Amino acid sequence: MIDLCEVMLKAPRSPSPLAQVRQAVDALSAQERAAVMLVCVKGLSYQDAAQTLGISLGMLQEHLLRGRLTLITKLNLKG
């Protein structure tokens, strides 16, 4: 008879979705992470986020673009 507990303990574990997101966010540069967190998580406008970070609107948009592309790649998102 198969011992389910033993099988589960020996099976390779994939990180939980939350752990995957944390790893992907950790892979961002500090500037990309700050931009993504302010705009996508905290909901600040681009203008407010740029002002908070002390950078131009164009630079914020660049950080967001690179950060979002990195997250899409790391999380294997499509669409």
Protein backbone atom coordinates (compact mmCIF):
# COMPACT_ATOMS: atom_id res chain seq x y z
CA MET A 1 0.00 0.00 0.00
CA ILE A 2 1.24 3.50 -0.84
CA ASP A 3 1.85 5.84 2.06
CA LEU A 4 0.48 9.18 0.87
CA CYS A 5 2.40 11.15 3.51
CA GLU A 6 5.68 9.60 2.39
CA VAL A 7 4.94 10.35 -1.25
CA MET A 8 4.09 13.98 -0.45
CA LEU A 9 7.27 14.43 1.59
CA LYS A 10 9.43 13.07 -1.22
CA ALA A 11 7.70 15.02 -3.99
CA PRO A 12 9.52 18.12 -5.22
CA ARG A 13 7.82 21.22 -3.93
CA SER A 14 7.13 24.18 -6.11
CA PRO A 15 6.93 27.55 -4.41
CA SER A 16 3.46 28.83 -3.54
CA PRO A 17 2.04 31.55 -5.80
CA LEU A 18 2.72 34.14 -3.08
CA ALA A 19 6.34 32.98 -2.79
CA GLN A 20 6.68 33.19 -6.58
CA VAL A 21 5.42 36.77 -6.58
CA ARG A 22 7.79 37.71 -3.74
CA GLN A 23 10.73 36.19 -5.62
CA ALA A 24 9.77 38.05 -8.79
CA VAL A 25 9.44 41.36 -6.93
CA ASP A 26 12.79 40.74 -5.22
CA ALA A 27 14.35 40.34 -8.67
CA LEU A 28 13.45 43.94 -9.56
CA SER A 29 15.95 46.74 -9.15
CA ALA A 30 15.28 49.10 -6.25
CA GLN A 31 13.96 51.78 -8.65
CA GLU A 32 11.69 49.35 -10.49
CA ARG A 33 10.38 47.88 -7.24
CA ALA A 34 9.61 51.32 -5.80
CA ALA A 35 7.78 52.42 -8.95
CA VAL A 36 5.75 49.21 -9.20
CA MET A 37 4.83 49.28 -5.50
CA LEU A 38 3.75 52.92 -5.51
CA VAL A 39 1.67 52.71 -8.68
CA CYS A 40 0.43 49.11 -8.82
CA VAL A 41 0.13 48.28 -5.13
CA LYS A 42 -0.52 51.59 -3.37
CA GLY A 43 -2.48 53.08 -6.28
CA LEU A 44 -0.62 56.38 -6.59
CA SER A 45 -0.95 58.28 -9.84
CA TYR A 46 2.11 58.38 -12.07
CA GLN A 47 2.57 62.04 -11.19
CA ASP A 48 2.34 61.44 -7.44
CA ALA A 49 4.66 58.42 -7.61
CA ALA A 50 7.24 60.38 -9.61
CA GLN A 51 7.07 63.22 -7.11
CA THR A 52 7.38 60.81 -4.17
CA LEU A 53 10.48 59.25 -5.73
CA GLY A 54 11.91 62.62 -6.78
CA ILE A 55 12.19 61.61 -10.43
CA SER A 56 10.67 62.79 -13.70
CA LEU A 57 7.43 61.34 -15.02
CA GLY A 58 9.33 59.82 -17.97
CA MET A 59 11.81 58.11 -15.65
CA LEU A 60 8.96 56.69 -13.57
CA GLN A 61 7.35 55.30 -16.71
CA GLU A 62 10.66 53.71 -17.70
CA HIS A 63 11.02 52.04 -14.28
CA LEU A 64 7.42 50.80 -14.48
CA LEU A 65 7.90 49.40 -17.97
CA ARG A 66 11.06 47.50 -17.06
CA GLY A 67 9.58 46.33 -13.76
CA ARG A 68 6.37 45.09 -15.32
CA LEU A 69 8.24 43.28 -18.10
CA THR A 70 10.46 41.58 -15.53
CA LEU A 71 7.43 40.48 -13.50
CA ILE A 72 5.67 39.16 -16.60
CA THR A 73 8.76 37.16 -17.53
CA LYS A 74 9.50 35.83 -14.03
CA LEU A 75 5.88 34.84 -13.40
CA ASN A 76 5.42 33.36 -16.88
CA LEU A 77 2.37 35.51 -17.53
CA LYS A 78 0.84 35.62 -20.98
CA GLY A 79 -1.77 37.82 -22.49
